[in-house]
Amino acid sequence: MSTSQRTPRPLRPMTPEQIESAAHSDPDNRPLTPADFARMKRTPQVKIIRRALGLSQDEFAARYHIPIGTLRDWEQGRATPDQAARAYLTVIARDPEAVHKALDLPRRKTG
């Protein structure tokens, strides 16, 4: 009998307990522990932020005064944002309009 003629078997869903047990029994794929999470750094993902705002790379870079090359390097994994940039991305993610408004103020003429 060919595979296209077989009667599909119904899936047997696993309970949460069975899922947890299966994960713990796999030595190559153990769940992360609270200690693992504590030592991991949470880096805002600039591509996700940019896409959530519906902006192109050029628009995002211009709006938030980030060099386009830097933005592309972050998004393509060639570089990672330093601590100050991560903080800035976090602020953009939490209140993008406030950041845009703060950066978009007209400059005063001096002299």
PDB file of N, CA and C in Angstrom:
ATOM      1  N   MET A   1       0.846  -1.177   0.000  1.00  0.00           N
ATOM      2  CA  MET A   1       0.000   0.000   0.000  1.00  0.00           C
ATOM      3  C   MET A   1       0.896   1.247   0.000  1.00  0.00           C
ATOM      4  N   SER A   2       0.627   2.191  -0.867  1.00  0.00           N
ATOM      5  CA  SER A   2       1.435   3.404  -0.922  1.00  0.00           C
ATOM      6  C   SER A   2       1.059   4.335   0.225  1.00  0.00           C
ATOM      7  N   THR A   3       1.927   5.276   0.479  1.00  0.00           N
ATOM      8  CA  THR A   3       1.676   6.203   1.589  1.00  0.00           C
ATOM      9  C   THR A   3       0.455   7.077   1.338  1.00  0.00           C
ATOM     10  N   SER A   4       0.119   7.306   0.083  1.00  0.00           N
ATOM     11  CA  SER A   4      -1.048   8.148  -0.211  1.00  0.00           C
ATOM     12  C   SER A   4      -2.356   7.408   0.031  1.00  0.00           C
ATOM     13  N   GLN A   5      -2.299   6.078   0.138  1.00  0.00           N
ATOM     14  CA  GLN A   5      -3.514   5.294   0.340  1.00  0.00           C
ATOM     15  C   GLN A   5      -3.739   4.920   1.809  1.00  0.00           C
ATOM     16  N   ARG A   6      -2.794   5.225   2.694  1.00  0.00           N
ATOM     17  CA  ARG A   6      -2.946   4.906   4.106  1.00  0.00           C
ATOM     18  C   ARG A   6      -3.999   5.780   4.752  1.00  0.00           C
ATOM     19  N   THR A   7      -4.682   5.213   5.693  1.00  0.00           N
ATOM     20  CA  THR A   7      -5.639   5.985   6.478  1.00  0.00           C
ATOM     21  C   THR A   7      -4.861   6.708   7.570  1.00  0.00           C
ATOM     22  N   PRO A   8      -4.987   8.009   7.644  1.00  0.00           N
ATOM     23  CA  PRO A   8      -4.203   8.732   8.648  1.00  0.00           C
ATOM     24  C   PRO A   8      -4.665   8.360  10.064  1.00  0.00           C
ATOM     25  N   ARG A   9      -3.681   8.189  10.937  1.00  0.00           N
ATOM     26  CA  ARG A   9      -4.006   7.902  12.328  1.00  0.00           C
ATOM     27  C   ARG A   9      -4.245   9.223  13.055  1.00  0.00           C
ATOM     28  N   PRO A  10      -5.202   9.220  13.953  1.00  0.00           N
ATOM     29  CA  PRO A  10      -5.407  10.463  14.709  1.00  0.00           C
ATOM     30  C   PRO A  10      -4.203  10.738  15.610  1.00  0.00           C
ATOM     31  N   LEU A  11      -3.886  11.992  15.747  1.00  0.00           N
ATOM     32  CA  LEU A  11      -2.785  12.382  16.620  1.00  0.00           C
ATOM     33  C   LEU A  11      -3.199  12.181  18.064  1.00  0.00           C
ATOM     34  N   ARG A  12      -2.249  11.763  18.864  1.00  0.00           N
ATOM     35  CA  ARG A  12      -2.513  11.613  20.287  1.00  0.00           C
ATOM     36  C   ARG A  12      -1.804  12.760  21.000  1.00  0.00           C
ATOM     37  N   PRO A  13      -2.548  13.773  21.375  1.00  0.00           N
ATOM     38  CA  PRO A  13      -1.897  14.918  22.006  1.00  0.00           C
ATOM     39  C   PRO A  13      -1.292  14.530  23.355  1.00  0.00           C
ATOM     40  N   MET A  14      -0.203  15.194  23.669  1.00  0.00           N
ATOM     41  CA  MET A  14       0.477  14.943  24.940  1.00  0.00           C
ATOM     42  C   MET A  14      -0.042  15.919  25.985  1.00  0.00           C
ATOM     43  N   THR A  15      -0.067  15.444  27.200  1.00  0.00           N
ATOM     44  CA  THR A  15      -0.431  16.335  28.304  1.00  0.00           C
ATOM     45  C   THR A  15       0.770  17.215  28.625  1.00  0.00           C
ATOM     46  N   PRO A  16       0.571  18.317  29.313  1.00  0.00           N
ATOM     47  CA  PRO A  16       1.720  19.143  29.706  1.00  0.00           C
ATOM     48  C   PRO A  16       2.755  18.347  30.501  1.00  0.00           C
ATOM     49  N   GLU A  17       2.303  17.434  31.334  1.00  0.00           N
ATOM     50  CA  GLU A  17       3.230  16.616  32.123  1.00  0.00           C
ATOM     51  C   GLU A  17       4.063  15.702  31.218  1.00  0.00           C
ATOM     52  N   GLN A  18       3.426  15.134  30.195  1.00  0.00           N
ATOM     53  CA  GLN A  18       4.143  14.272  29.259  1.00  0.00           C
ATOM     54  C   GLN A  18       5.160  15.082  28.447  1.00  0.00           C
ATOM     55  N   ILE A  19       4.787  16.267  28.075  1.00  0.00           N
ATOM     56  CA  ILE A  19       5.711  17.139  27.331  1.00  0.00           C
ATOM     57  C   ILE A  19       6.925  17.458  28.191  1.00  0.00           C
ATOM     58  N   GLU A  20       6.691  17.840  29.430  1.00  0.00           N
ATOM     59  CA  GLU A  20       7.783  18.171  30.349  1.00  0.00           C
ATOM     60  C   GLU A  20       8.689  16.963  30.579  1.00  0.00           C
ATOM     61  N   SER A  21       8.088  15.788  30.767  1.00  0.00           N
ATOM     62  CA  SER A  21       8.853  14.567  30.981  1.00  0.00           C
ATOM     63  C   SER A  21       9.704  14.231  29.752  1.00  0.00           C
ATOM     64  N   ALA A  22       9.114  14.368  28.568  1.00  0.00           N
ATOM     65  CA  ALA A  22       9.861  14.086  27.333  1.00  0.00           C
ATOM     66  C   ALA A  22      11.018  15.062  27.171  1.00  0.00           C
ATOM     67  N   ALA A  23      10.795  16.315  27.502  1.00  0.00           N
ATOM     68  CA  ALA A  23      11.864  17.318  27.380  1.00  0.00           C
ATOM     69  C   ALA A  23      13.004  17.004  28.343  1.00  0.00           C
ATOM     70  N   HIS A  24      12.686  16.636  29.566  1.00  0.00           N
ATOM     71  CA  HIS A  24      13.723  16.330  30.548  1.00  0.00           C
ATOM     72  C   HIS A  24      14.487  15.060  30.216  1.00  0.00           C
ATOM     73  N   SER A  25      13.867  14.148  29.490  1.00  0.00           N
ATOM     74  CA  SER A  25      14.533  12.890  29.163  1.00  0.00           C
ATOM     75  C   SER A  25      15.441  13.000  27.944  1.00  0.00           C
ATOM     76  N   ASP A  26      15.380  14.098  27.223  1.00  0.00           N
ATOM     77  CA  ASP A  26      16.216  14.296  26.036  1.00  0.00           C
ATOM     78  C   ASP A  26      17.493  15.023  26.453  1.00  0.00           C
ATOM     79  N   PRO A  27      18.634  14.334  26.522  1.00  0.00           N
ATOM     80  CA  PRO A  27      19.864  14.976  27.004  1.00  0.00           C
ATOM     81  C   PRO A  27      20.383  16.092  26.100  1.00  0.00           C
ATOM     82  N   ASP A  28      19.978  16.098  24.849  1.00  0.00           N
ATOM     83  CA  ASP A  28      20.446  17.123  23.918  1.00  0.00           C
ATOM     84  C   ASP A  28      19.527  18.331  23.841  1.00  0.00           C
ATOM     85  N   ASN A  29      18.422  18.283  24.545  1.00  0.00           N
ATOM     86  CA  ASN A  29      17.450  19.368  24.407  1.00  0.00           C
ATOM     87  C   ASN A  29      16.745  19.625  25.739  1.00  0.00           C
ATOM     88  N   ARG A  30      17.526  19.790  26.780  1.00  0.00           N
ATOM     89  CA  ARG A  30      16.940  20.026  28.102  1.00  0.00           C
ATOM     90  C   ARG A  30      16.346  21.430  28.151  1.00  0.00           C
ATOM     91  N   PRO A  31      15.241  21.584  28.892  1.00  0.00           N
ATOM     92  CA  PRO A  31      14.650  22.923  29.052  1.00  0.00           C
ATOM     93  C   PRO A  31      15.610  23.846  29.801  1.00  0.00           C
ATOM     94  N   LEU A  32      15.496  25.128  29.522  1.00  0.00           N
ATOM     95  CA  LEU A  32      16.320  26.106  30.227  1.00  0.00           C
ATOM     96  C   LEU A  32      15.859  26.221  31.673  1.00  0.00           C
ATOM     97  N   THR A  33      16.810  26.370  32.556  1.00  0.00           N
ATOM     98  CA  THR A  33      16.509  26.523  33.973  1.00  0.00           C
ATOM     99  C   THR A  33      16.426  28.013  34.312  1.00  0.00           C
ATOM    100  N   PRO A  34      15.889  28.350  35.485  1.00  0.00           N
ATOM    101  CA  PRO A  34      15.911  29.759  35.903  1.00  0.00           C
ATOM    102  C   PRO A  34      17.327  30.336  35.926  1.00  0.00           C
ATOM    103  N   ALA A  35      18.315  29.520  36.282  1.00  0.00           N
ATOM    104  CA  ALA A  35      19.708  29.983  36.277  1.00  0.00           C
ATOM    105  C   ALA A  35      20.164  30.306  34.851  1.00  0.00           C
ATOM    106  N   ASP A  36      19.731  29.487  33.879  1.00  0.00           N
ATOM    107  CA  ASP A  36      20.073  29.757  32.475  1.00  0.00           C
ATOM    108  C   ASP A  36      19.503  31.108  32.042  1.00  0.00           C
ATOM    109  N   PHE A  37      18.234  31.342  32.387  1.00  0.00           N
ATOM    110  CA  PHE A  37      17.600  32.602  32.013  1.00  0.00           C
ATOM    111  C   PHE A  37      18.283  33.791  32.694  1.00  0.00           C
ATOM    112  N   ALA A  38      18.714  33.611  33.942  1.00  0.00           N
ATOM    113  CA  ALA A  38      19.341  34.702  34.691  1.00  0.00           C
ATOM    114  C   ALA A  38      20.655  35.144  34.053  1.00  0.00           C
ATOM    115  N   ARG A  39      21.404  34.207  33.479  1.00  0.00           N
ATOM    116  CA  ARG A  39      22.692  34.578  32.888  1.00  0.00           C
ATOM    117  C   ARG A  39      22.582  35.041  31.444  1.00  0.00           C
ATOM    118  N   MET A  40      21.411  34.881  30.840  1.00  0.00           N
ATOM    119  CA  MET A  40      21.222  35.286  29.449  1.00  0.00           C
ATOM    120  C   MET A  40      20.873  36.772  29.377  1.00  0.00           C
ATOM    121  N   LYS A  41      21.401  37.432  28.378  1.00  0.00           N
ATOM    122  CA  LYS A  41      21.085  38.834  28.158  1.00  0.00           C
ATOM    123  C   LYS A  41      19.897  38.929  27.218  1.00  0.00           C
ATOM    124  N   ARG A  42      18.974  39.792  27.562  1.00  0.00           N
ATOM    125  CA  ARG A  42      17.831  40.016  26.679  1.00  0.00           C
ATOM    126  C   ARG A  42      18.167  41.213  25.794  1.00  0.00           C
ATOM    127  N   THR A  43      18.358  40.958  24.522  1.00  0.00           N
ATOM    128  CA  THR A  43      18.686  42.013  23.574  1.00  0.00           C
ATOM    129  C   THR A  43      17.469  42.316  22.718  1.00  0.00           C
ATOM    130  N   PRO A  44      17.037  43.582  22.700  1.00  0.00           N
ATOM    131  CA  PRO A  44      15.912  43.908  21.823  1.00  0.00           C
ATOM    132  C   PRO A  44      16.289  43.592  20.374  1.00  0.00           C
ATOM    133  N   GLN A  45      15.407  42.959  19.673  1.00  0.00           N
ATOM    134  CA  GLN A  45      15.687  42.611  18.290  1.00  0.00           C
ATOM    135  C   GLN A  45      15.189  43.737  17.391  1.00  0.00           C
ATOM    136  N   VAL A  46      16.139  44.472  16.859  1.00  0.00           N
ATOM    137  CA  VAL A  46      15.828  45.674  16.106  1.00  0.00           C
ATOM    138  C   VAL A  46      14.927  45.371  14.908  1.00  0.00           C
ATOM    139  N   LYS A  47      15.114  44.248  14.258  1.00  0.00           N
ATOM    140  CA  LYS A  47      14.299  43.925  13.081  1.00  0.00           C
ATOM    141  C   LYS A  47      12.829  43.757  13.476  1.00  0.00           C
ATOM    142  N   ILE A  48      12.594  43.115  14.620  1.00  0.00           N
ATOM    143  CA  ILE A  48      11.225  42.929  15.095  1.00  0.00           C
ATOM    144  C   ILE A  48      10.602  44.276  15.453  1.00  0.00           C
ATOM    145  N   ILE A  49      11.361  45.127  16.126  1.00  0.00           N
ATOM    146  CA  ILE A  49      10.868  46.456  16.486  1.00  0.00           C
ATOM    147  C   ILE A  49      10.525  47.238  15.221  1.00  0.00           C
ATOM    148  N   ARG A  50      11.454  47.229  14.276  1.00  0.00           N
ATOM    149  CA  ARG A  50      11.250  47.991  13.028  1.00  0.00           C
ATOM    150  C   ARG A  50      10.027  47.497  12.276  1.00  0.00           C
ATOM    151  N   ARG A  51       9.898  46.184  12.156  1.00  0.00           N
ATOM    152  CA  ARG A  51       8.746  45.635  11.429  1.00  0.00           C
ATOM    153  C   ARG A  51       7.441  45.915  12.156  1.00  0.00           C
ATOM    154  N   ALA A  52       7.455  45.847  13.480  1.00  0.00           N
ATOM    155  CA  ALA A  52       6.240  46.140  14.251  1.00  0.00           C
ATOM    156  C   ALA A  52       5.787  47.579  14.027  1.00  0.00           C
ATOM    157  N   LEU A  53       6.739  48.458  13.780  1.00  0.00           N
ATOM    158  CA  LEU A  53       6.407  49.861  13.513  1.00  0.00           C
ATOM    159  C   LEU A  53       6.059  50.093  12.047  1.00  0.00           C
ATOM    160  N   GLY A  54       6.242  49.074  11.219  1.00  0.00           N
ATOM    161  CA  GLY A  54       5.908  49.197   9.803  1.00  0.00           C
ATOM    162  C   GLY A  54       6.846  50.106   9.037  1.00  0.00           C
ATOM    163  N   LEU A  55       8.108  50.143   9.457  1.00  0.00           N
ATOM    164  CA  LEU A  55       9.077  51.035   8.814  1.00  0.00           C
ATOM    165  C   LEU A  55      10.113  50.240   8.021  1.00  0.00           C
ATOM    166  N   SER A  56      10.561  50.818   6.922  1.00  0.00           N
ATOM    167  CA  SER A  56      11.672  50.234   6.171  1.00  0.00           C
ATOM    168  C   SER A  56      12.954  50.502   6.960  1.00  0.00           C
ATOM    169  N   GLN A  57      14.027  49.858   6.557  1.00  0.00           N
ATOM    170  CA  GLN A  57      15.312  50.122   7.208  1.00  0.00           C
ATOM    171  C   GLN A  57      15.678  51.594   7.096  1.00  0.00           C
ATOM    172  N   ASP A  58      15.512  52.160   5.908  1.00  0.00           N
ATOM    173  CA  ASP A  58      15.853  53.574   5.707  1.00  0.00           C
ATOM    174  C   ASP A  58      15.003  54.483   6.592  1.00  0.00           C
ATOM    175  N   GLU A  59      13.705  54.195   6.673  1.00  0.00           N
ATOM    176  CA  GLU A  59      12.809  55.020   7.495  1.00  0.00           C
ATOM    177  C   GLU A  59      13.155  54.921   8.979  1.00  0.00           C
ATOM    178  N   PHE A  60      13.395  53.700   9.452  1.00  0.00           N
ATOM    179  CA  PHE A  60      13.729  53.492  10.860  1.00  0.00           C
ATOM    180  C   PHE A  60      15.042  54.193  11.202  1.00  0.00           C
ATOM    181  N   ALA A  61      16.047  54.013  10.340  1.00  0.00           N
ATOM    182  CA  ALA A  61      17.351  54.634  10.574  1.00  0.00           C
ATOM    183  C   ALA A  61      17.236  56.159  10.623  1.00  0.00           C
ATOM    184  N   ALA A  62      16.490  56.723   9.699  1.00  0.00           N
ATOM    185  CA  ALA A  62      16.336  58.187   9.671  1.00  0.00           C
ATOM    186  C   ALA A  62      15.540  58.685  10.872  1.00  0.00           C
ATOM    187  N   ARG A  63      14.438  58.009  11.186  1.00  0.00           N
ATOM    188  CA  ARG A  63      13.567  58.452  12.272  1.00  0.00           C
ATOM    189  C   ARG A  63      14.283  58.440  13.622  1.00  0.00           C
ATOM    190  N   TYR A  64      15.107  57.406  13.849  1.00  0.00           N
ATOM    191  CA  TYR A  64      15.742  57.250  15.160  1.00  0.00           C
ATOM    192  C   TYR A  64      17.237  57.564  15.150  1.00  0.00           C
ATOM    193  N   HIS A  65      17.712  58.191  14.069  1.00  0.00           N
ATOM    194  CA  HIS A  65      19.081  58.685  13.959  1.00  0.00           C
ATOM    195  C   HIS A  65      20.117  57.576  14.186  1.00  0.00           C
ATOM    196  N   ILE A  66      19.899  56.455  13.523  1.00  0.00           N
ATOM    197  CA  ILE A  66      20.821  55.325  13.579  1.00  0.00           C
ATOM    198  C   ILE A  66      21.431  55.188  12.184  1.00  0.00           C
ATOM    199  N   PRO A  67      22.753  55.143  12.079  1.00  0.00           N
ATOM    200  CA  PRO A  67      23.360  54.977  10.754  1.00  0.00           C
ATOM    201  C   PRO A  67      22.818  53.709  10.072  1.00  0.00           C
ATOM    202  N   ILE A  68      22.465  53.826   8.813  1.00  0.00           N
ATOM    203  CA  ILE A  68      21.854  52.722   8.078  1.00  0.00           C
ATOM    204  C   ILE A  68      22.760  51.486   8.060  1.00  0.00           C
ATOM    205  N   GLY A  69      24.041  51.684   7.920  1.00  0.00           N
ATOM    206  CA  GLY A  69      24.980  50.558   7.924  1.00  0.00           C
ATOM    207  C   GLY A  69      24.982  49.826   9.262  1.00  0.00           C
ATOM    208  N   THR A  70      24.893  50.586  10.342  1.00  0.00           N
ATOM    209  CA  THR A  70      24.832  49.990  11.674  1.00  0.00           C
ATOM    210  C   THR A  70      23.557  49.175  11.831  1.00  0.00           C
ATOM    211  N   LEU A  71      22.438  49.753  11.403  1.00  0.00           N
ATOM    212  CA  LEU A  71      21.163  49.061  11.485  1.00  0.00           C
ATOM    213  C   LEU A  71      21.203  47.746  10.698  1.00  0.00           C
ATOM    214  N   ARG A  72      21.740  47.795   9.499  1.00  0.00           N
ATOM    215  CA  ARG A  72      21.830  46.586   8.669  1.00  0.00           C
ATOM    216  C   ARG A  72      22.735  45.540   9.319  1.00  0.00           C
ATOM    217  N   ASP A  73      23.842  45.995   9.895  1.00  0.00           N
ATOM    218  CA  ASP A  73      24.742  45.062  10.575  1.00  0.00           C
ATOM    219  C   ASP A  73      24.037  44.380  11.745  1.00  0.00           C
ATOM    220  N   TRP A  74      23.266  45.133  12.520  1.00  0.00           N
ATOM    221  CA  TRP A  74      22.519  44.543  13.635  1.00  0.00           C
ATOM    222  C   TRP A  74      21.514  43.526  13.132  1.00  0.00           C
ATOM    223  N   GLU A  75      20.756  43.910  12.117  1.00  0.00           N
ATOM    224  CA  GLU A  75      19.699  43.038  11.618  1.00  0.00           C
ATOM    225  C   GLU A  75      20.252  41.769  10.981  1.00  0.00           C
ATOM    226  N   GLN A  76      21.410  41.866  10.368  1.00  0.00           N
ATOM    227  CA  GLN A  76      21.973  40.710   9.675  1.00  0.00           C
ATOM    228  C   GLN A  76      22.952  39.923  10.548  1.00  0.00           C
ATOM    229  N   GLY A  77      23.078  40.331  11.811  1.00  0.00           N
ATOM    230  CA  GLY A  77      23.906  39.592  12.751  1.00  0.00           C
ATOM    231  C   GLY A  77      25.395  39.783  12.601  1.00  0.00           C
ATOM    232  N   ARG A  78      25.824  40.766  11.825  1.00  0.00           N
ATOM    233  CA  ARG A  78      27.256  41.026  11.676  1.00  0.00           C
ATOM    234  C   ARG A  78      27.804  41.781  12.875  1.00  0.00           C
ATOM    235  N   ALA A  79      26.917  42.430  13.618  1.00  0.00           N
ATOM    236  CA  ALA A  79      27.309  43.170  14.821  1.00  0.00           C
ATOM    237  C   ALA A  79      26.145  43.113  15.796  1.00  0.00           C
ATOM    238  N   THR A  80      26.447  43.318  17.062  1.00  0.00           N
ATOM    239  CA  THR A  80      25.395  43.378  18.066  1.00  0.00           C
ATOM    240  C   THR A  80      25.429  44.748  18.721  1.00  0.00           C
ATOM    241  N   PRO A  81      24.276  45.275  19.087  1.00  0.00           N
ATOM    242  CA  PRO A  81      24.245  46.586  19.728  1.00  0.00           C
ATOM    243  C   PRO A  81      24.982  46.554  21.068  1.00  0.00           C
ATOM    244  N   ASP A  82      25.729  47.635  21.351  1.00  0.00           N
ATOM    245  CA  ASP A  82      26.392  47.718  22.655  1.00  0.00           C
ATOM    246  C   ASP A  82      25.350  48.067  23.724  1.00  0.00           C
ATOM    247  N   GLN A  83      25.788  48.215  24.956  1.00  0.00           N
ATOM    248  CA  GLN A  83      24.852  48.426  26.058  1.00  0.00           C
ATOM    249  C   GLN A  83      24.002  49.675  25.869  1.00  0.00           C
ATOM    250  N   ALA A  84      24.601  50.754  25.442  1.00  0.00           N
ATOM    251  CA  ALA A  84      23.849  52.001  25.235  1.00  0.00           C
ATOM    252  C   ALA A  84      22.828  51.834  24.104  1.00  0.00           C
ATOM    253  N   ALA A  85      23.231  51.183  23.032  1.00  0.00           N
ATOM    254  CA  ALA A  85      22.309  50.959  21.907  1.00  0.00           C
ATOM    255  C   ALA A  85      21.165  50.039  22.317  1.00  0.00           C
ATOM    256  N   ARG A  86      21.465  49.014  23.135  1.00  0.00           N
ATOM    257  CA  ARG A  86      20.395  48.129  23.617  1.00  0.00           C
ATOM    258  C   ARG A  86      19.389  48.910  24.455  1.00  0.00           C
ATOM    259  N   ALA A  87      19.897  49.805  25.286  1.00  0.00           N
ATOM    260  CA  ALA A  87      18.997  50.641  26.102  1.00  0.00           C
ATOM    261  C   ALA A  87      18.150  51.526  25.195  1.00  0.00           C
ATOM    262  N   TYR A  88      18.764  52.106  24.188  1.00  0.00           N
ATOM    263  CA  TYR A  88      18.042  52.966  23.245  1.00  0.00           C
ATOM    264  C   TYR A  88      16.962  52.176  22.502  1.00  0.00           C
ATOM    265  N   LEU A  89      17.292  50.968  22.057  1.00  0.00           N
ATOM    266  CA  LEU A  89      16.313  50.129  21.366  1.00  0.00           C
ATOM    267  C   LEU A  89      15.159  49.745  22.289  1.00  0.00           C
ATOM    268  N   THR A  90      15.456  49.530  23.553  1.00  0.00           N
ATOM    269  CA  THR A  90      14.404  49.220  24.518  1.00  0.00           C
ATOM    270  C   THR A  90      13.447  50.399  24.658  1.00  0.00           C
ATOM    271  N   VAL A  91      13.991  51.606  24.717  1.00  0.00           N
ATOM    272  CA  VAL A  91      13.141  52.800  24.818  1.00  0.00           C
ATOM    273  C   VAL A  91      12.302  52.963  23.549  1.00  0.00           C
ATOM    274  N   ILE A  92      12.901  52.745  22.399  1.00  0.00           N
ATOM    275  CA  ILE A  92      12.151  52.819  21.137  1.00  0.00           C
ATOM    276  C   ILE A  92      11.022  51.793  21.148  1.00  0.00           C
ATOM    277  N   ALA A  93      11.320  50.571  21.584  1.00  0.00           N
ATOM    278  CA  ALA A  93      10.305  49.513  21.592  1.00  0.00           C
ATOM    279  C   ALA A  93       9.146  49.861  22.519  1.00  0.00           C
ATOM    280  N   ARG A  94       9.439  50.507  23.638  1.00  0.00           N
ATOM    281  CA  ARG A  94       8.391  50.799  24.626  1.00  0.00           C
ATOM    282  C   ARG A  94       7.581  52.039  24.299  1.00  0.00           C
ATOM    283  N   ASP A  95       8.220  53.040  23.701  1.00  0.00           N
ATOM    284  CA  ASP A  95       7.480  54.274  23.387  1.00  0.00           C
ATOM    285  C   ASP A  95       8.061  54.920  22.137  1.00  0.00           C
ATOM    286  N   PRO A  96       7.824  54.313  20.974  1.00  0.00           N
ATOM    287  CA  PRO A  96       8.446  54.808  19.739  1.00  0.00           C
ATOM    288  C   PRO A  96       8.042  56.235  19.387  1.00  0.00           C
ATOM    289  N   GLU A  97       6.814  56.607  19.677  1.00  0.00           N
ATOM    290  CA  GLU A  97       6.370  57.963  19.319  1.00  0.00           C
ATOM    291  C   GLU A  97       7.048  59.022  20.180  1.00  0.00           C
ATOM    292  N   ALA A  98       7.263  58.732  21.450  1.00  0.00           N
ATOM    293  CA  ALA A  98       7.944  59.700  22.323  1.00  0.00           C
ATOM    294  C   ALA A  98       9.380  59.921  21.853  1.00  0.00           C
ATOM    295  N   VAL A  99      10.054  58.836  21.459  1.00  0.00           N
ATOM    296  CA  VAL A  99      11.424  58.966  20.965  1.00  0.00           C
ATOM    297  C   VAL A  99      11.431  59.762  19.670  1.00  0.00           C
ATOM    298  N   HIS A 100      10.515  59.435  18.774  1.00  0.00           N
ATOM    299  CA  HIS A 100      10.432  60.162  17.501  1.00  0.00           C
ATOM    300  C   HIS A 100      10.162  61.641  17.741  1.00  0.00           C
ATOM    301  N   LYS A 101       9.244  61.921  18.637  1.00  0.00           N
ATOM    302  CA  LYS A 101       8.903  63.309  18.944  1.00  0.00           C
ATOM    303  C   LYS A 101      10.100  64.039  19.545  1.00  0.00           C
ATOM    304  N   ALA A 102      10.814  63.391  20.448  1.00  0.00           N
ATOM    305  CA  ALA A 102      11.976  64.020  21.068  1.00  0.00           C
ATOM    306  C   ALA A 102      13.077  64.313  20.045  1.00  0.00           C
ATOM    307  N   LEU A 103      13.242  63.445  19.099  1.00  0.00           N
ATOM    308  CA  LEU A 103      14.300  63.627  18.094  1.00  0.00           C
ATOM    309  C   LEU A 103      13.881  64.522  16.944  1.00  0.00           C
ATOM    310  N   ASP A 104      12.587  64.725  16.769  1.00  0.00           N
ATOM    311  CA  ASP A 104      12.077  65.449  15.612  1.00  0.00           C
ATOM    312  C   ASP A 104      11.823  66.931  15.892  1.00  0.00           C
ATOM    313  N   LEU A 105      12.168  67.382  17.088  1.00  0.00           N
ATOM    314  CA  LEU A 105      11.938  68.792  17.400  1.00  0.00           C
ATOM    315  C   LEU A 105      12.791  69.677  16.508  1.00  0.00           C
ATOM    316  N   PRO A 106      12.229  70.793  16.042  1.00  0.00           N
ATOM    317  CA  PRO A 106      13.037  71.694  15.216  1.00  0.00           C
ATOM    318  C   PRO A 106      14.174  72.277  16.041  1.00  0.00           C
ATOM    319  N   ARG A 107      15.309  72.401  15.416  1.00  0.00           N
ATOM    320  CA  ARG A 107      16.478  72.942  16.113  1.00  0.00           C
ATOM    321  C   ARG A 107      16.384  74.460  16.169  1.00  0.00           C
ATOM    322  N   ARG A 108      16.772  74.976  17.316  1.00  0.00           N
ATOM    323  CA  ARG A 108      16.779  76.441  17.479  1.00  0.00           C
ATOM    324  C   ARG A 108      17.999  77.021  16.797  1.00  0.00           C
ATOM    325  N   LYS A 109      17.812  78.212  16.267  1.00  0.00           N
ATOM    326  CA  LYS A 109      18.948  78.920  15.669  1.00  0.00           C
ATOM    327  C   LYS A 109      19.746  79.554  16.798  1.00  0.00           C
ATOM    328  N   THR A 110      21.057  79.445  16.717  1.00  0.00           N
ATOM    329  CA  THR A 110      21.909  80.071  17.723  1.00  0.00           C
ATOM    330  C   THR A 110      22.572  81.299  17.124  1.00  0.00           C
ATOM    331  N   GLY A 111      22.815  82.249  18.038  1.00  0.00           N
ATOM    332  CA  GLY A 111      23.556  83.422  17.617  1.00  0.00           C
ATOM    333  C   GLY A 111      22.740  84.483  17.166  1.00  0.00           C
TER     334      GLY A 111
END
